[in-house]
């Protein structure tokens, strides 16, 4: 695995895709995809909606249908299905599952593409393995779901903001991905505000006064890219406004209060923030432990860890986190264990502790990034995390599958950003003291890769026991 040869840029993503396709398309084609409890949305929502749209093309009624999301993925699948002319029910379902696998491939490729901009190809490979091996990402590829396509498009917008220079081409690509992502899931508008800040940080008047060592090099002043992305944000907001007017709310009438379906717009779910922090604390723990010799004696990182612990403590105290269907906090191991743990004043003791640990973990990751000269990346990731948690708090349900893939993608990109074999284009070797100063002993390839492999190993075990271990052969 020689990083210096061009072969790594071909073989690393190829191997990643082979592994992912074998783990997802393999079970679909072999018929080893029977898991009724896992495929509820596939069976009762997404497949019926796609078939209904395909039958009614081109006059599709979008005023109400059996999915709580905007209809972008369903329409795309319906057009594809109509073009193929398939009529056999089993063959049609398999074809749609193949499409879903393709969406998973897009997610993995997007995750790798941006990780490889700030690391070597094989480091990017191991850093993407955690999200690629998530039982939720794998399950969302085996069955027809909106999650992987949604996150793939989000990854383009976020990855471009974090790791690419501000020019018209990148801004246009990021903006198109934003609009498409909102057409797949209306909640994806959450990325727009922080992404705009990312472009603002590359605008020349701002760059003069706020210098980050990992600031991507840009040939222009950043104003044109900002305008392009601003137009895309307006278009994305227009998509949401259009559907709100059509539906009379943020979701189709079926999923509104009294609509007969599972209510997705019935109020706030304040358990999201402590839940997300708990998941981060668990999933990043192998990396934190493996990298401990590199941060435990660094006062700057210990300081950000203490700040993170305080934030986690505040979140755990402030927000309700007791589990249960009546609270909209079910599905996934976190809420399962939280439902069995004691609760005080509607605060689950388990999630409360997890929120503190997760806050400390976030602080360590932030400190590692800033001391490694990735201050801009750290600040933008923190902004995206806050925006993500805030957006999902508006949803009545805090299903764990909403959070796991995004958290694992963020962990992988954090680790990839710590590798020292490559730098963001145009990044200076040193910077003035303060946030983002790169004056600590750098991490090497081995440490970063071991940390990523540790995170991957945990997800692989989860996938083996919670996904593949419970799947069976289809009846037909």
Protein backbone atom coordinates (compact mmCIF):
# COMPACT_ATOMS: atom_id res chain seq x y z
CA UNK A 1 0.00 0.00 0.00
CA UNK A 2 2.36 2.68 -1.22
CA UNK A 3 0.84 6.14 -0.85
CA UNK A 4 3.26 7.70 -3.34
CA UNK A 5 2.13 5.64 -6.34
CA UNK A 6 -0.97 6.51 -8.38
CA UNK A 7 -2.30 2.97 -7.87
CA UNK A 8 -3.50 3.83 -4.36
CA UNK A 9 -5.93 6.37 -5.74
CA UNK A 10 -7.53 3.61 -7.82
CA UNK A 11 -7.21 0.49 -5.66
CA UNK A 12 -8.31 2.06 -2.35
CA UNK A 13 -11.75 3.25 -3.51
CA UNK A 14 -12.15 0.15 -5.66
CA UNK A 15 -11.59 -2.14 -2.69
CA UNK A 16 -13.94 -0.02 -0.60
CA UNK A 17 -16.68 -0.36 -3.21
CA UNK A 18 -16.13 -4.10 -3.64
CA UNK A 19 -16.53 -4.64 0.10
CA UNK A 20 -19.61 -2.41 0.32
CA UNK A 21 -21.31 -3.88 -2.75
CA UNK A 22 -20.66 -7.42 -1.55
CA UNK A 23 -22.18 -6.56 1.84
CA UNK A 24 -25.30 -4.95 0.36
CA UNK A 25 -26.03 -6.06 -3.18
CA UNK A 26 -24.93 -9.61 -2.36
CA UNK A 27 -27.77 -10.30 0.11
CA UNK A 28 -30.29 -8.65 -2.23
CA UNK A 29 -29.38 -10.79 -5.24
CA UNK A 30 -29.07 -13.96 -3.16
CA UNK A 31 -32.43 -13.39 -1.49
CA UNK A 32 -30.86 -13.19 1.98
CA UNK A 33 -32.75 -10.01 2.87
CA UNK A 34 -35.68 -11.15 5.00
CA UNK A 35 -35.86 -9.01 8.14
CA UNK A 36 -39.44 -7.71 8.55
CA UNK A 37 -38.68 -5.64 11.66
CA UNK A 38 -35.87 -3.80 9.86
CA UNK A 39 -37.68 -3.36 6.54
CA UNK A 40 -40.89 -1.77 7.88
CA UNK A 41 -40.39 1.53 6.04
CA UNK A 42 -39.29 -0.34 2.93
CA UNK A 43 -42.43 -2.53 2.92
CA UNK A 44 -45.07 -0.06 4.05
CA UNK A 45 -43.85 3.34 2.92
CA UNK A 46 -41.14 3.71 0.29
CA UNK A 47 -41.89 0.77 -2.04
CA UNK A 48 -45.65 1.55 -2.13
CA UNK A 49 -44.96 5.24 -2.80
CA UNK A 50 -42.55 4.49 -5.66
CA UNK A 51 -45.00 2.02 -7.23
CA UNK A 52 -47.86 4.50 -6.86
CA UNK A 53 -45.85 7.30 -8.48
CA UNK A 54 -44.73 5.00 -11.31
CA UNK A 55 -48.33 4.07 -12.10
CA UNK A 56 -49.45 7.70 -12.23
CA UNK A 57 -46.58 9.23 -14.20
CA UNK A 58 -46.51 11.92 -15.43
CA UNK A 59 -49.52 13.11 -13.38
CA UNK A 60 -48.27 12.36 -9.87
CA UNK A 61 -50.23 13.70 -6.90
CA UNK A 62 -47.71 15.04 -4.34
CA UNK A 63 -50.29 16.49 -1.97
CA UNK A 64 -50.25 13.41 0.28
CA UNK A 65 -48.43 10.09 0.19
CA UNK A 66 -47.03 7.46 2.56
CA UNK A 67 -43.62 9.01 3.25
CA UNK A 68 -42.80 11.83 5.67
CA UNK A 69 -40.09 13.16 3.34
CA UNK A 70 -40.05 15.26 0.20
CA UNK A 71 -40.52 13.02 -2.86
CA UNK A 72 -37.23 13.42 -4.73
CA UNK A 73 -35.95 9.86 -4.32
CA UNK A 74 -39.37 8.33 -4.92
CA UNK A 75 -39.87 10.29 -8.13
CA UNK A 76 -36.41 9.37 -9.43
CA UNK A 77 -37.04 5.69 -8.71
CA UNK A 78 -40.51 5.88 -10.24
CA UNK A 79 -39.15 7.34 -13.49
CA UNK A 80 -36.42 4.68 -13.60
CA UNK A 81 -38.91 1.91 -12.89
CA UNK A 82 -41.29 3.18 -15.55
CA UNK A 83 -38.46 3.31 -18.09
CA UNK A 84 -37.48 -0.33 -17.45
CA UNK A 85 -41.01 -1.63 -17.93
CA UNK A 86 -40.72 -4.25 -15.18
CA UNK A 87 -44.08 -5.70 -14.08
CA UNK A 88 -43.23 -8.73 -11.94
CA UNK A 89 -43.62 -7.64 -8.27
CA UNK A 90 -40.58 -9.52 -6.96
CA UNK A 91 -38.35 -8.40 -9.83
CA UNK A 92 -39.57 -4.83 -9.41
CA UNK A 93 -38.74 -4.83 -5.70
CA UNK A 94 -35.29 -6.29 -6.36
CA UNK A 95 -34.62 -3.65 -9.01
CA UNK A 96 -35.52 -0.90 -6.55
CA UNK A 97 -33.24 -2.48 -3.96
CA UNK A 98 -30.41 -2.40 -6.50
CA UNK A 99 -31.08 1.32 -6.89
CA UNK A 100 -30.92 1.69 -3.11
CA UNK A 101 -27.54 -0.08 -3.12
CA UNK A 102 -26.39 2.42 -5.72
CA UNK A 103 -27.35 5.28 -3.39
CA UNK A 104 -25.20 3.64 -0.71
CA UNK A 105 -22.32 3.50 -3.19
CA UNK A 106 -22.74 7.23 -3.83
CA UNK A 107 -22.47 7.88 -0.09
CA UNK A 108 -19.33 5.80 0.27
CA UNK A 109 -17.72 7.43 -2.77
CA UNK A 110 -18.56 10.94 -1.53
CA UNK A 111 -17.17 10.15 1.92
CA UNK A 112 -13.96 8.78 0.38
CA UNK A 113 -13.58 11.60 -2.13
CA UNK A 114 -13.51 14.30 0.51
CA UNK A 115 -11.47 12.30 3.02
CA UNK A 116 -8.85 11.77 0.32
CA UNK A 117 -8.54 15.53 -0.22
CA UNK A 118 -6.83 15.87 3.16
CA UNK A 119 -5.26 12.43 3.56
CA UNK A 120 -3.61 9.66 1.57
CA UNK A 121 -5.93 7.20 -0.23
CA UNK A 122 -5.40 4.32 2.16
CA UNK A 123 -5.94 6.53 5.19
CA UNK A 124 -9.13 7.78 3.54
CA UNK A 125 -10.06 4.14 2.98
CA UNK A 126 -9.85 3.17 6.66
CA UNK A 127 -11.47 6.45 7.77
CA UNK A 128 -14.52 5.76 5.59
CA UNK A 129 -14.86 2.15 6.77
CA UNK A 130 -16.77 3.15 9.95
CA UNK A 131 -19.62 4.82 8.10
CA UNK A 132 -19.56 2.20 5.33
CA UNK A 133 -19.92 -0.59 7.91
CA UNK A 134 -22.65 1.06 9.97
CA UNK A 135 -25.59 -1.35 10.26
CA UNK A 136 -27.86 1.57 9.41
CA UNK A 137 -25.96 2.50 6.23
CA UNK A 138 -25.81 -1.15 5.18
CA UNK A 139 -29.49 -1.71 5.98
CA UNK A 140 -30.48 1.48 4.17
CA UNK A 141 -28.69 0.14 1.10
CA UNK A 142 -30.24 -3.33 1.27
CA UNK A 143 -33.77 -1.95 1.62
CA UNK A 144 -35.32 1.07 -0.10
CA UNK A 145 -34.80 4.07 2.19
CA UNK A 146 -34.11 7.78 1.70
CA UNK A 147 -31.24 7.91 4.22
CA UNK A 148 -28.21 7.07 2.08
CA UNK A 149 -29.09 9.27 -0.88
CA UNK A 150 -29.87 12.07 1.55
CA UNK A 151 -26.53 11.76 3.35
CA UNK A 152 -24.58 11.38 0.09
CA UNK A 153 -25.89 14.74 -1.09
CA UNK A 154 -25.28 16.29 2.32
CA UNK A 155 -21.71 14.93 2.22
CA UNK A 156 -21.09 16.83 -1.02
CA UNK A 157 -22.23 20.15 0.47
CA UNK A 158 -20.45 19.68 3.80
CA UNK A 159 -17.30 18.15 2.27
CA UNK A 160 -16.99 20.97 -0.24
CA UNK A 161 -17.32 23.52 2.55
CA UNK A 162 -14.71 21.83 4.72
CA UNK A 163 -12.07 20.74 2.24
CA UNK A 164 -12.40 22.67 -1.05
CA UNK A 165 -11.43 26.15 -2.12
CA UNK A 166 -14.17 28.70 -2.69
CA UNK A 167 -14.60 28.95 -6.44
CA UNK A 168 -17.58 29.04 -8.73
CA UNK A 169 -17.39 25.38 -9.78
CA UNK A 170 -17.29 24.02 -6.24
CA UNK A 171 -19.99 26.44 -5.09
CA UNK A 172 -22.27 25.41 -7.95
CA UNK A 173 -21.73 21.72 -7.25
CA UNK A 174 -22.35 22.25 -3.55
CA UNK A 175 -25.46 24.30 -4.25
CA UNK A 176 -26.94 21.72 -6.63
CA UNK A 177 -26.33 19.02 -4.01
CA UNK A 178 -28.08 21.18 -1.40
CA UNK A 179 -31.18 21.70 -3.54
CA UNK A 180 -31.33 18.00 -4.45
CA UNK A 181 -30.86 16.96 -0.82
CA UNK A 182 -33.78 19.14 0.28
CA UNK A 183 -35.89 17.58 -2.49
CA UNK A 184 -35.04 14.17 -0.97
CA UNK A 185 -35.48 15.22 2.68
CA UNK A 186 -36.76 18.63 3.66
CA UNK A 187 -34.80 18.64 6.91
CA UNK A 188 -31.52 18.81 4.96
CA UNK A 189 -31.76 22.60 4.82
CA UNK A 190 -29.81 22.44 8.10
CA UNK A 191 -26.48 22.48 6.25
CA UNK A 192 -27.05 25.77 4.42
CA UNK A 193 -26.28 28.29 7.17
CA UNK A 194 -22.92 26.88 8.27
CA UNK A 195 -21.93 26.19 4.65
CA UNK A 196 -22.52 29.87 3.94
CA UNK A 197 -20.23 30.73 6.85
CA UNK A 198 -17.61 28.48 5.26
CA UNK A 199 -17.72 30.53 2.08
CA UNK A 200 -17.64 33.73 4.14
CA UNK A 201 -14.42 32.59 5.82
CA UNK A 202 -12.78 32.44 2.37
CA UNK A 203 -13.90 35.91 1.33
CA UNK A 204 -10.81 38.14 1.09
CA UNK A 205 -11.88 40.82 3.63
CA UNK A 206 -12.52 38.10 6.19
CA UNK A 207 -9.40 36.08 5.32
CA UNK A 208 -7.23 39.11 6.09
CA UNK A 209 -8.41 39.25 9.70
CA UNK A 210 -9.09 35.57 10.47
CA UNK A 211 -6.32 33.31 9.26
CA UNK A 212 -6.55 29.56 9.69
CA UNK A 213 -3.57 27.36 8.81
CA UNK A 214 -5.90 24.96 6.99
CA UNK A 215 -7.60 27.68 4.93
CA UNK A 216 -7.93 26.29 1.38
CA UNK A 217 -6.16 28.32 -1.28
CA UNK A 218 -8.50 30.33 -3.51
CA UNK A 219 -7.75 32.31 -6.63
CA UNK A 220 -10.64 34.75 -6.16
CA UNK A 221 -12.13 36.82 -3.38
CA UNK A 222 -14.85 34.29 -2.55
CA UNK A 223 -17.73 36.71 -3.25
CA UNK A 224 -18.94 34.98 -6.43
CA UNK A 225 -19.01 31.52 -4.80
CA UNK A 226 -20.94 33.02 -1.88
CA UNK A 227 -23.52 34.48 -4.25
CA UNK A 228 -23.87 31.19 -6.12
CA UNK A 229 -24.41 29.24 -2.92
CA UNK A 230 -26.78 31.91 -1.58
CA UNK A 231 -28.92 31.49 -4.71
CA UNK A 232 -28.92 27.72 -4.17
CA UNK A 233 -29.98 28.23 -0.55
CA UNK A 234 -32.88 30.41 -1.68
CA UNK A 235 -33.91 27.74 -4.19
CA UNK A 236 -33.71 25.05 -1.50
CA UNK A 237 -35.83 27.17 0.83
CA UNK A 238 -38.25 27.66 -2.06
CA UNK A 239 -38.62 23.91 -2.42
CA UNK A 240 -39.54 23.62 1.26
CA UNK A 241 -41.94 26.57 1.11
CA UNK A 242 -43.64 25.06 -1.93
CA UNK A 243 -44.27 21.76 -0.16
CA UNK A 244 -45.35 23.49 3.05
CA UNK A 245 -47.99 25.35 1.06
CA UNK A 246 -49.01 22.13 -0.71
CA UNK A 247 -49.18 20.04 2.46
CA UNK A 248 -50.26 22.66 4.94
CA UNK A 249 -47.27 21.77 7.12
CA UNK A 250 -43.70 20.48 7.12
CA UNK A 251 -44.73 16.91 6.25
CA UNK A 252 -47.54 15.38 4.14
CA UNK A 253 -50.96 15.49 5.85
CA UNK A 254 -50.76 11.76 6.60
CA UNK A 255 -47.91 12.44 9.06
CA UNK A 256 -49.36 15.53 10.68
CA UNK A 257 -51.35 15.46 13.91
CA UNK A 258 -54.57 13.56 13.27
CA UNK A 259 -53.40 12.38 9.86
CA UNK A 260 -53.60 8.69 10.59
CA UNK A 261 -49.87 7.96 10.20
CA UNK A 262 -46.92 8.27 12.57
CA UNK A 263 -46.84 11.95 13.54
CA UNK A 264 -43.53 13.58 12.54
CA UNK A 265 -44.54 17.19 13.12
CA UNK A 266 -46.10 17.08 16.55
CA UNK A 267 -43.58 19.14 18.50
CA UNK A 268 -39.96 19.22 19.61
CA UNK A 269 -37.88 16.26 20.74
CA UNK A 270 -35.37 17.61 23.23
CA UNK A 271 -33.60 14.28 23.64
CA UNK A 272 -31.73 14.71 20.36
CA UNK A 273 -28.73 16.66 21.68
CA UNK A 274 -27.89 14.42 24.67
CA UNK A 275 -28.63 11.38 22.48
CA UNK A 276 -26.27 12.50 19.73
CA UNK A 277 -23.54 13.27 22.27
CA UNK A 278 -24.00 9.82 23.83
CA UNK A 279 -23.63 8.11 20.46
CA UNK A 280 -20.53 10.18 19.66
CA UNK A 281 -18.99 9.23 22.99
CA UNK A 282 -19.47 5.52 22.32
CA UNK A 283 -18.54 5.41 18.64
CA UNK A 284 -15.42 7.58 18.92
CA UNK A 285 -14.18 5.87 22.10
CA UNK A 286 -11.76 3.47 20.32
CA UNK A 287 -10.12 6.41 18.56
CA UNK A 288 -9.95 8.51 21.72
CA UNK A 289 -8.29 5.67 23.63
CA UNK A 290 -5.83 4.82 20.85
CA UNK A 291 -4.84 8.48 20.43
CA UNK A 292 -4.67 9.16 24.19
CA UNK A 293 -0.84 9.25 24.35
CA UNK A 294 -0.95 12.15 21.88
CA UNK A 295 -3.44 14.33 23.72
CA UNK A 296 -3.59 13.44 27.42
CA UNK A 297 -0.59 15.65 28.30
CA UNK A 298 -1.43 18.48 25.92
CA UNK A 299 -2.90 21.28 28.01
CA UNK A 300 -4.73 22.80 25.05
CA UNK A 301 -6.59 19.59 24.27
CA UNK A 302 -7.32 18.89 27.93
CA UNK A 303 -8.76 22.39 28.13
CA UNK A 304 -11.11 21.83 25.16
CA UNK A 305 -12.05 18.46 26.66
CA UNK A 306 -13.05 20.16 29.92
CA UNK A 307 -15.13 22.69 28.00
CA UNK A 308 -16.77 19.80 26.15
CA UNK A 309 -17.50 18.00 29.41
CA UNK A 310 -19.20 21.15 30.68
CA UNK A 311 -21.30 21.44 27.52
CA UNK A 312 -22.27 17.76 27.76
CA UNK A 313 -23.21 18.19 31.42
CA UNK A 314 -25.33 21.23 30.57
CA UNK A 315 -27.07 19.38 27.73
CA UNK A 316 -27.75 16.38 29.95
CA UNK A 317 -29.25 18.56 32.67
CA UNK A 318 -31.23 20.83 30.38
CA UNK A 319 -32.87 18.41 27.95
CA UNK A 320 -35.24 15.55 28.68
CA UNK A 321 -33.84 12.18 27.66
CA UNK A 322 -36.12 9.53 29.14
CA UNK A 323 -36.84 6.83 26.54
CA UNK A 324 -40.22 5.56 25.41
CA UNK A 325 -42.65 5.67 22.51
CA UNK A 326 -44.69 8.40 24.17
CA UNK A 327 -41.56 10.58 24.15
CA UNK A 328 -40.60 9.79 20.55
CA UNK A 329 -37.38 8.13 21.66
CA UNK A 330 -37.39 4.51 20.47
CA UNK A 331 -35.49 2.31 18.00
CA UNK A 332 -31.80 1.60 18.39
CA UNK A 333 -29.62 0.30 21.18
CA UNK A 334 -29.30 3.71 22.87
CA UNK A 335 -33.01 4.13 23.56
CA UNK A 336 -33.39 0.41 24.30
CA UNK A 337 -30.83 0.56 27.10
CA UNK A 338 -32.06 3.98 28.22
CA UNK A 339 -35.57 2.56 28.66
CA UNK A 340 -34.18 0.00 31.12
CA UNK A 341 -32.03 2.50 33.04
CA UNK A 342 -33.38 4.64 35.89
CA UNK A 343 -34.56 8.16 35.13
CA UNK A 344 -34.68 11.25 37.33
CA UNK A 345 -36.90 14.20 36.40
CA UNK A 346 -37.35 12.79 32.87
CA UNK A 347 -33.56 12.56 32.43
CA UNK A 348 -32.28 9.09 31.70
CA UNK A 349 -29.25 8.42 33.90
CA UNK A 350 -27.65 6.49 31.04
CA UNK A 351 -28.12 9.24 28.46
CA UNK A 352 -27.14 11.88 31.01
CA UNK A 353 -23.80 10.12 31.59
CA UNK A 354 -23.42 9.55 27.86
CA UNK A 355 -24.02 13.23 27.15
CA UNK A 356 -21.13 14.17 29.46
CA UNK A 357 -18.80 11.59 27.91
CA UNK A 358 -19.83 12.65 24.42
CA UNK A 359 -19.20 16.30 25.23
CA UNK A 360 -15.72 15.44 26.43
CA UNK A 361 -15.13 13.37 23.30
CA UNK A 362 -16.19 16.28 21.10
CA UNK A 363 -13.79 18.49 23.04
CA UNK A 364 -10.89 16.10 22.47
CA UNK A 365 -11.61 15.86 18.74
CA UNK A 366 -11.88 19.66 18.51
CA UNK A 367 -8.58 20.02 20.37
CA UNK A 368 -6.82 17.44 18.20
CA UNK A 369 -7.93 19.24 15.06
CA UNK A 370 -6.95 22.72 16.23
CA UNK A 371 -3.54 21.69 17.55
CA UNK A 372 -2.89 19.83 14.31
CA UNK A 373 -3.51 23.03 12.33
CA UNK A 374 -7.11 22.24 11.36
CA UNK A 375 -8.81 25.05 13.25
CA UNK A 376 -11.13 26.03 10.40
CA UNK A 377 -12.26 22.42 9.98
CA UNK A 378 -12.87 22.12 13.72
CA UNK A 379 -14.96 25.29 13.91
CA UNK A 380 -17.07 24.43 10.88
CA UNK A 381 -17.63 20.85 12.07
CA UNK A 382 -18.78 22.21 15.43
CA UNK A 383 -21.15 24.54 13.62
CA UNK A 384 -22.53 21.73 11.49
CA UNK A 385 -23.01 19.59 14.60
CA UNK A 386 -25.02 22.29 16.35
CA UNK A 387 -27.12 22.89 13.24
CA UNK A 388 -27.71 19.14 12.78
CA UNK A 389 -28.88 18.65 16.38
CA UNK A 390 -31.09 21.72 16.27
CA UNK A 391 -32.79 20.64 13.05
CA UNK A 392 -33.57 17.13 14.28
CA UNK A 393 -34.91 18.51 17.55
CA UNK A 394 -37.84 19.82 15.49
CA UNK A 395 -38.79 16.23 14.58
CA UNK A 396 -41.16 14.43 16.94
CA UNK A 397 -39.10 11.23 16.66
CA UNK A 398 -35.46 10.72 17.58
CA UNK A 399 -34.79 7.40 15.85
CA UNK A 400 -31.16 6.36 16.22
CA UNK A 401 -30.88 5.69 12.49
CA UNK A 402 -31.23 9.44 11.92
CA UNK A 403 -27.96 10.09 13.76
CA UNK A 404 -25.54 7.16 13.46
CA UNK A 405 -24.37 7.58 9.83
CA UNK A 406 -23.77 11.33 10.14
CA UNK A 407 -21.83 10.89 13.39
CA UNK A 408 -19.65 8.16 11.88
CA UNK A 409 -19.00 10.25 8.76
CA UNK A 410 -17.91 13.16 10.97
CA UNK A 411 -15.60 10.93 13.03
CA UNK A 412 -14.01 9.53 9.88
CA UNK A 413 -13.39 12.97 8.39
CA UNK A 414 -11.96 14.19 11.70
CA UNK A 415 -9.46 11.33 11.73
CA UNK A 416 -8.57 11.83 8.08
CA UNK A 417 -7.87 15.50 8.84
CA UNK A 418 -5.26 14.46 11.41
CA UNK A 419 -3.01 12.66 8.96
CA UNK A 420 0.19 14.53 8.17
CA UNK A 421 1.24 12.98 4.85
CA UNK A 422 -0.78 15.57 2.91
CA UNK A 423 -2.02 19.08 3.60
CA UNK A 424 -4.93 21.15 2.41
CA UNK A 425 -3.75 22.98 -0.67
CA UNK A 426 -2.27 26.31 0.21
CA UNK A 427 -2.09 25.63 3.95
CA UNK A 428 0.92 27.36 5.53
CA UNK A 429 3.39 25.36 7.52
CA UNK A 430 2.84 27.52 10.57
CA UNK A 431 0.44 30.13 11.84
CA UNK A 432 0.29 32.76 14.55
CA UNK A 433 -0.41 31.48 18.01
CA UNK A 434 -4.04 30.91 18.87
CA UNK A 435 -6.81 28.82 17.44
CA UNK A 436 -5.49 26.55 14.74
CA UNK A 437 -1.80 26.82 15.50
CA UNK A 438 0.07 23.78 14.22
CA UNK A 439 2.88 23.56 16.78
CA UNK A 440 2.33 20.15 18.39
CA UNK A 441 3.87 16.79 17.59
CA UNK A 442 1.92 15.53 14.56
CA UNK A 443 0.15 12.23 14.45
CA UNK A 444 1.48 9.67 12.04
CA UNK A 445 -0.12 7.29 9.58
CA UNK A 446 -0.13 4.34 11.96
CA UNK A 447 -1.89 6.13 14.82
CA UNK A 448 -4.61 7.65 12.63
CA UNK A 449 -5.27 4.38 10.83
CA UNK A 450 -5.38 2.36 14.03
CA UNK A 451 -7.87 4.83 15.47
CA UNK A 452 -10.09 4.51 12.39
CA UNK A 453 -9.82 0.72 12.43
CA UNK A 454 -10.89 0.72 16.06
CA UNK A 455 -14.03 2.69 15.22
CA UNK A 456 -14.66 0.39 12.24
CA UNK A 457 -14.29 -2.75 14.35
CA UNK A 458 -17.05 -1.61 16.68
CA UNK A 459 -19.41 -0.95 13.77
CA UNK A 460 -18.55 -4.28 12.16
CA UNK A 461 -19.51 -6.09 15.36
CA UNK A 462 -22.76 -4.11 15.55
CA UNK A 463 -23.56 -4.97 11.94
CA UNK A 464 -22.82 -8.66 12.45
CA UNK A 465 -25.10 -9.00 15.46
CA UNK A 466 -27.88 -6.48 14.82
CA UNK A 467 -28.19 -6.82 11.03
CA UNK A 468 -26.74 -9.90 9.34
CA UNK A 469 -27.25 -12.13 12.36
CA UNK A 470 -30.99 -11.46 12.22
CA UNK A 471 -31.49 -11.64 8.47
CA UNK A 472 -32.86 -14.72 6.72
CA UNK A 473 -33.76 -16.10 3.30
CA UNK A 474 -36.79 -14.65 1.55
CA UNK A 475 -39.80 -16.96 1.32
CA UNK A 476 -39.75 -16.89 -2.48
